[in-house]
Protein backbone atom coordinates (compact mmCIF):
# COMPACT_ATOMS: atom_id res chain seq x y z
CA MET A 1 -0.01 0.01 -0.04
CA GLU A 2 2.91 2.35 0.48
CA ILE A 3 3.33 2.61 -3.23
CA ALA A 4 -0.18 3.93 -3.64
CA PHE A 5 0.56 6.57 -0.92
CA ASP A 6 3.45 7.78 -3.02
CA ALA A 7 0.98 8.49 -5.83
CA ILE A 8 -0.75 11.10 -3.78
CA GLY A 9 2.57 12.57 -2.51
CA PHE A 10 3.17 10.91 0.80
CA GLU A 11 6.34 8.95 1.57
CA ILE A 12 5.74 6.06 4.04
CA PRO A 13 9.27 4.81 4.72
CA ASN A 14 8.45 2.58 7.73
CA GLU A 15 5.57 1.39 10.00
CA ASN A 16 5.91 4.34 12.35
CA ALA A 17 5.26 6.93 9.62
CA PHE A 18 2.27 4.84 8.52
CA HIS A 19 0.82 5.01 12.04
CA ASP A 20 1.55 8.68 12.43
CA LEU A 21 -0.49 9.45 9.32
CA ALA A 22 -3.25 7.26 10.44
CA GLU A 23 -3.41 8.90 13.76
CA ALA A 24 -3.45 12.39 12.26
CA VAL A 25 -6.36 11.32 9.95
CA GLY A 26 -8.18 9.84 12.95
CA LYS A 27 -7.84 13.11 14.89
CA ARG A 28 -8.49 15.73 12.06
CA GLY A 29 -10.50 13.74 9.56
CA GLU A 30 -14.19 14.39 8.67
CA VAL A 31 -16.39 11.78 10.63
CA SER A 32 -18.78 9.41 8.97
CA ILE A 33 -20.37 6.18 10.33
CA LEU A 34 -22.20 3.25 9.03
CA PRO A 35 -24.31 0.92 11.20
CA ARG A 36 -23.59 -2.68 10.55
CA LYS A 37 -25.44 -5.80 11.71
CA ASP A 38 -23.22 -6.42 14.84
CA GLY A 39 -21.45 -3.02 15.25
CA VAL A 40 -20.56 0.34 13.63
CA LEU A 41 -17.96 1.06 10.93
CA HIS A 42 -16.30 4.45 11.60
CA GLY A 43 -14.73 6.33 8.72
CA ARG A 44 -12.42 9.39 8.85
CA CYS A 45 -11.49 11.41 5.74
CA LEU A 46 -8.79 13.90 5.76
CA LYS A 47 -8.83 16.19 2.75
CA PHE A 48 -5.48 17.93 1.71
CA GLY A 49 -6.97 19.85 -1.30
CA ALA A 50 -6.97 19.31 -5.02
CA GLY A 51 -8.96 16.07 -4.55
CA LEU A 52 -6.23 14.47 -2.38
CA GLU A 53 -7.48 12.41 0.72
CA VAL A 54 -6.44 9.76 3.23
CA TRP A 55 -9.08 7.55 4.76
CA THR A 56 -8.91 5.52 7.90
CA LEU A 57 -11.57 3.10 9.14
CA PHE A 58 -12.18 1.17 12.32
CA TYR A 59 -14.85 -1.22 13.41
CA GLU A 60 -16.67 -1.02 16.71
CA SER A 61 -18.47 -4.21 17.77
CA GLY A 62 -21.81 -4.10 19.65
CA LYS A 63 -19.79 -5.05 22.76
CA GLY A 64 -17.63 -1.92 22.42
CA GLU A 65 -14.65 -3.69 21.12
CA VAL A 66 -12.65 -1.55 18.64
CA VAL A 67 -10.72 -3.21 15.74
CA TYR A 68 -8.51 -0.92 13.68
CA ALA A 69 -9.29 -1.65 10.13
CA ASP A 70 -7.46 0.33 7.50
CA CYS A 71 -5.62 3.51 6.40
CA ARG A 72 -5.36 4.18 2.68
CA PRO A 73 -4.69 6.92 0.06
CA ALA A 74 -7.51 8.38 -2.08
CA PHE A 75 -8.25 10.84 -4.89
CA ARG A 76 -11.60 12.21 -5.77
CA ALA A 77 -11.85 11.75 -9.57
CA ARG A 78 -12.95 14.64 -11.81
CA HIS A 79 -14.93 12.56 -14.20
CA SER A 80 -17.57 9.78 -13.58
CA HIS A 81 -18.61 6.40 -14.94
CA LYS A 82 -21.82 4.51 -14.66
CA ILE A 83 -21.24 0.96 -13.34
CA SER A 84 -23.92 -1.65 -14.05
CA PRO A 85 -24.22 -4.51 -13.30
CA TRP A 86 -22.09 -4.46 -10.18
CA ILE A 87 -21.54 -6.40 -6.83
CA LEU A 88 -20.05 -5.21 -3.50
CA THR A 89 -17.87 -7.37 -1.29
CA GLU A 90 -17.29 -6.12 2.26
CA SER A 91 -15.01 -6.95 5.11
CA ASP A 92 -16.04 -4.69 7.98
CA LYS A 93 -13.26 -5.72 10.36
CA GLU A 94 -10.64 -5.17 7.61
CA GLY A 95 -12.21 -2.03 6.20
CA LYS A 96 -12.33 -3.31 2.77
CA SER A 97 -15.18 -2.64 0.26
CA ILE A 98 -14.46 -3.86 -3.18
CA VAL A 99 -16.77 -3.13 -6.05
CA HIS A 100 -16.74 -5.46 -9.10
CA GLY A 101 -18.70 -4.54 -12.17
CA PHE A 102 -18.91 -3.37 -15.71
CA VAL A 103 -18.94 0.17 -17.21
CA GLU A 104 -22.56 0.52 -18.29
CA ASP A 105 -23.43 -0.75 -21.85
CA THR A 106 -19.84 -1.96 -22.48
CA ASN A 107 -17.82 -5.20 -21.75
CA THR A 108 -15.26 -3.18 -19.78
CA GLU A 109 -14.71 -4.80 -16.42
CA VAL A 110 -13.72 -2.77 -13.35
CA LEU A 111 -12.78 -3.89 -9.89
CA PHE A 112 -11.84 -1.22 -7.42
CA GLN A 113 -11.52 -0.21 -3.70
CA LEU A 114 -14.67 1.78 -2.71
CA GLN A 115 -13.26 4.63 -0.44
CA ASN A 116 -16.50 6.33 0.83
CA LEU A 117 -18.89 3.59 1.89
CA THR A 118 -19.33 5.18 5.29
CA GLU A 119 -20.02 8.62 3.57
CA VAL A 120 -22.77 7.47 1.28
CA GLY A 121 -24.45 4.85 3.39
CA THR A 122 -26.33 1.78 2.36
CA LEU A 123 -29.26 3.45 0.50
CA VAL A 124 -27.00 4.31 -2.50
CA LEU A 125 -26.09 0.63 -2.66
CA GLU A 126 -29.75 -0.27 -3.47
CA GLN A 127 -29.37 1.36 -6.89
CA THR A 128 -28.90 -0.84 -9.91
CA THR A 129 -26.48 1.64 -11.46
CA LEU A 130 -23.67 3.18 -9.56
CA ASN A 131 -22.38 6.71 -10.55
CA VAL A 132 -18.69 6.33 -9.67
CA GLY A 133 -15.52 8.53 -9.89
CA LEU A 134 -12.59 6.24 -10.66
CA CYS A 135 -8.91 7.06 -10.41
CA GLY A 136 -5.84 4.82 -10.63
CA LEU A 137 -3.01 5.62 -8.19
CA ALA A 138 0.08 4.80 -10.13
CA TYR A 139 3.27 3.36 -8.75
CA ARG A 140 5.00 3.40 -12.06
CA GLY A 141 4.50 5.28 -15.39
CA GLU A 142 6.25 6.10 -18.60
CA ILE A 143 5.47 8.56 -21.29
CA PHE A 144 6.01 7.80 -25.07
CA ASP A 145 5.89 9.99 -28.14
CA THR A 146 5.06 7.03 -30.42
CA ASN A 147 1.77 5.09 -30.26
CA VAL A 148 1.43 2.28 -27.74
CA GLU A 149 -1.25 -0.36 -27.92
CA SER A 150 -4.17 0.69 -25.72
CA GLY A 151 -4.87 -1.69 -22.97
CA TRP A 152 -6.62 -2.39 -19.71
CA LYS A 153 -5.39 -5.52 -18.04
CA SER A 154 -5.89 -6.89 -14.56
CA TYR A 155 -3.06 -8.01 -12.33
CA ASP A 156 -3.53 -11.70 -13.31
CA GLU A 157 -3.45 -10.93 -17.04
CA ALA A 158 -0.49 -8.60 -16.88
CA ALA A 159 1.56 -10.73 -14.36
CA VAL A 160 2.72 -7.65 -12.65
CA ASN A 161 5.13 -8.78 -9.93
CA ILE A 162 4.36 -5.96 -7.43
CA ILE A 163 1.48 -6.78 -5.02
CA GLU A 164 -0.99 -9.66 -5.43
CA GLU A 165 -4.21 -7.71 -5.25
CA ASP A 166 -7.10 -8.00 -7.63
CA ASN A 167 -7.61 -4.15 -8.03
CA PHE A 168 -4.23 -3.67 -9.47
CA TRP A 169 -4.23 -3.01 -13.20
CA SER A 170 -1.85 -2.32 -16.06
CA VAL A 171 -3.06 0.48 -18.37
CA ALA A 172 -1.98 2.07 -21.64
CA GLY A 173 -3.45 4.76 -23.82
CA ARG A 174 -3.36 8.21 -25.27
CA ILE A 175 -3.32 11.35 -22.99
CA LEU A 176 -6.33 13.57 -23.38
CA ALA A 177 -5.52 15.99 -20.66
CA PHE A 178 -3.11 16.41 -17.77
CA ASP A 179 -2.54 18.80 -14.86
CA ALA A 180 0.36 19.40 -12.55
CA LEU A 181 -0.58 19.18 -8.75
CA ARG A 182 1.29 19.58 -5.57
CA ASN A 183 0.53 17.89 -2.19
CA PRO A 184 0.32 20.90 0.08
CA GLN A 185 1.23 18.72 3.06
CA SER A 186 4.33 17.11 1.84
CA GLY A 187 5.24 19.47 -1.06
CA ASN A 188 5.62 16.61 -3.54
CA ASP A 189 4.74 17.28 -7.09
CA LEU A 190 2.30 15.04 -8.91
CA TYR A 191 0.54 14.67 -12.24
CA TRP A 192 -3.16 14.09 -12.91
CA ILE A 193 -3.39 12.54 -16.31
CA TYR A 194 -6.62 11.64 -18.20
CA VAL A 195 -6.14 8.67 -20.55
CA GLU A 196 -8.12 7.17 -23.40
CA MET A 197 -7.89 3.33 -23.58
CA GLY A 198 -10.48 2.43 -26.23
CA SER A 199 -13.70 1.76 -24.57
CA LEU A 200 -12.62 3.30 -21.28
CA LYS A 201 -11.31 6.75 -20.25
CA LEU A 202 -9.50 6.80 -16.89
CA GLU A 203 -7.86 9.31 -14.60
CA ILE A 204 -4.33 8.43 -13.32
CA LEU A 205 -2.52 10.07 -10.45
CA VAL A 206 1.32 9.69 -10.34
CA ASN A 207 4.12 11.07 -8.41
CA GLN A 208 6.36 12.91 -10.86
CA ARG A 209 9.41 10.95 -9.38
CA ALA A 210 7.64 7.77 -10.64
CA LEU A 211 7.10 9.05 -14.13
CA ARG A 212 9.68 7.99 -16.77
CA GLY A 213 10.21 9.02 -20.36
CA LYS A 214 8.91 12.14 -21.94
CA THR A 215 7.11 15.11 -20.27
CA PRO A 216 3.35 14.72 -20.40
CA ARG A 217 1.54 16.39 -23.28
CA ILE A 218 -1.82 16.00 -24.88
CA GLY A 219 -1.59 13.33 -27.74
CA ALA A 220 1.30 11.49 -26.19
CA PHE A 221 0.85 7.97 -24.83
CA ILE A 222 1.32 6.47 -21.40
CA GLU A 223 1.78 3.11 -19.83
CA ALA A 224 1.32 2.74 -16.02
CA ASP A 225 0.62 0.24 -13.27
CA VAL A 226 -2.15 1.40 -10.89
CA TRP A 227 -4.11 0.63 -7.86
CA LEU A 228 -7.68 1.40 -8.82
CA GLN A 229 -9.90 3.23 -6.36
CA GLY A 230 -13.10 5.17 -6.46
CA HIS A 231 -15.91 7.13 -4.80
CA ILE A 232 -19.60 6.67 -5.27
CA LEU A 233 -21.11 10.12 -6.33
CA SER A 234 -24.28 11.07 -4.41
CA GLU A 235 -25.57 14.45 -3.26
CA THR A 236 -24.06 13.81 0.13
CA ALA A 237 -20.66 12.83 -1.26
CA LYS A 238 -20.73 15.92 -3.56
CA ARG A 239 -21.30 18.25 -0.58
CA ASN A 240 -18.51 16.40 1.44
CA GLY A 241 -16.24 16.69 -1.53
CA TYR A 242 -16.50 20.46 -1.55
CA GLU A 243 -13.13 21.88 -0.44
CA GLY A 244 -14.04 25.51 0.06
CA VAL A 245 -13.07 28.73 -1.61
CA ASP A 246 -9.61 28.91 -3.19
CA TRP A 247 -8.24 32.01 -1.35
CA SER A 248 -5.11 31.84 -3.51
CA MET A 249 -7.32 33.32 -6.24
CA HIS A 250 -8.10 37.03 -6.18
CA PRO A 251 -11.81 37.93 -6.40
CA ALA A 252 -11.12 40.24 -9.37
CA ASP A 253 -9.97 37.18 -11.38
CA PHE A 254 -13.45 35.63 -11.19
CA TRP A 255 -15.02 38.88 -12.65
CA LYS A 256 -12.38 38.93 -15.52
CA ALA A 257 -13.73 35.54 -16.66
CA LEU A 258 -17.30 36.88 -16.90
CA ARG A 259 -16.48 39.94 -19.01
CA LYS A 260 -18.01 40.01 -22.51
CA PRO A 261 -16.25 41.52 -25.38
CA ASN A 262 -17.64 44.85 -26.70
């Protein structure tokens, strides 16, 4: 999981660093809870701006026993996909919620870590179609000027010898858009890259240190290995995703954008 943290700009060199980050999220993160059959699942989400987040979860049994579940990196995607059909696999005590499904009206399969189950609640999960923001957190990427074969392969198909997890994917495609980001907490520089892979368009987040080859540009091609994660989009999640006014912008700049030519 440390390689996925690197994609959002956090270096986790050892177990102490991991626990320090988890403790900070637990203390400062936005609270959400989800009642379960035999207890309560507690979620904490600490937002760092620009869509960067870290989630922690812990499970509290009906007897008051607390089991620490998970701490994981996240990114709120800018685009959305409709997933149908789909199935959710949960493990409350491990804090894992995995969605397996297909992009609506296609044969494109997705399997990803659902980040915000405690935020959206179970009512959303009664829907036949999920509106989901997906982003792959990359631990490796390379930019090419020449065409590469578009691809979307699971861990098993690509035989990527990194971590044996089902929601790791090997992706390749043409760059449609990109943006340079900075993690305001760590100061690490990142790239948000929007990639076309035939029937699927996917957002990728990668640490600039982990990106090889050419500088990103529209029309270039990228190959990357990613951990796929996502958020269910609902009215509650949209409100919780609001990060406030960007005070680095001057109010006069907003009015300039509204001016009409004479």
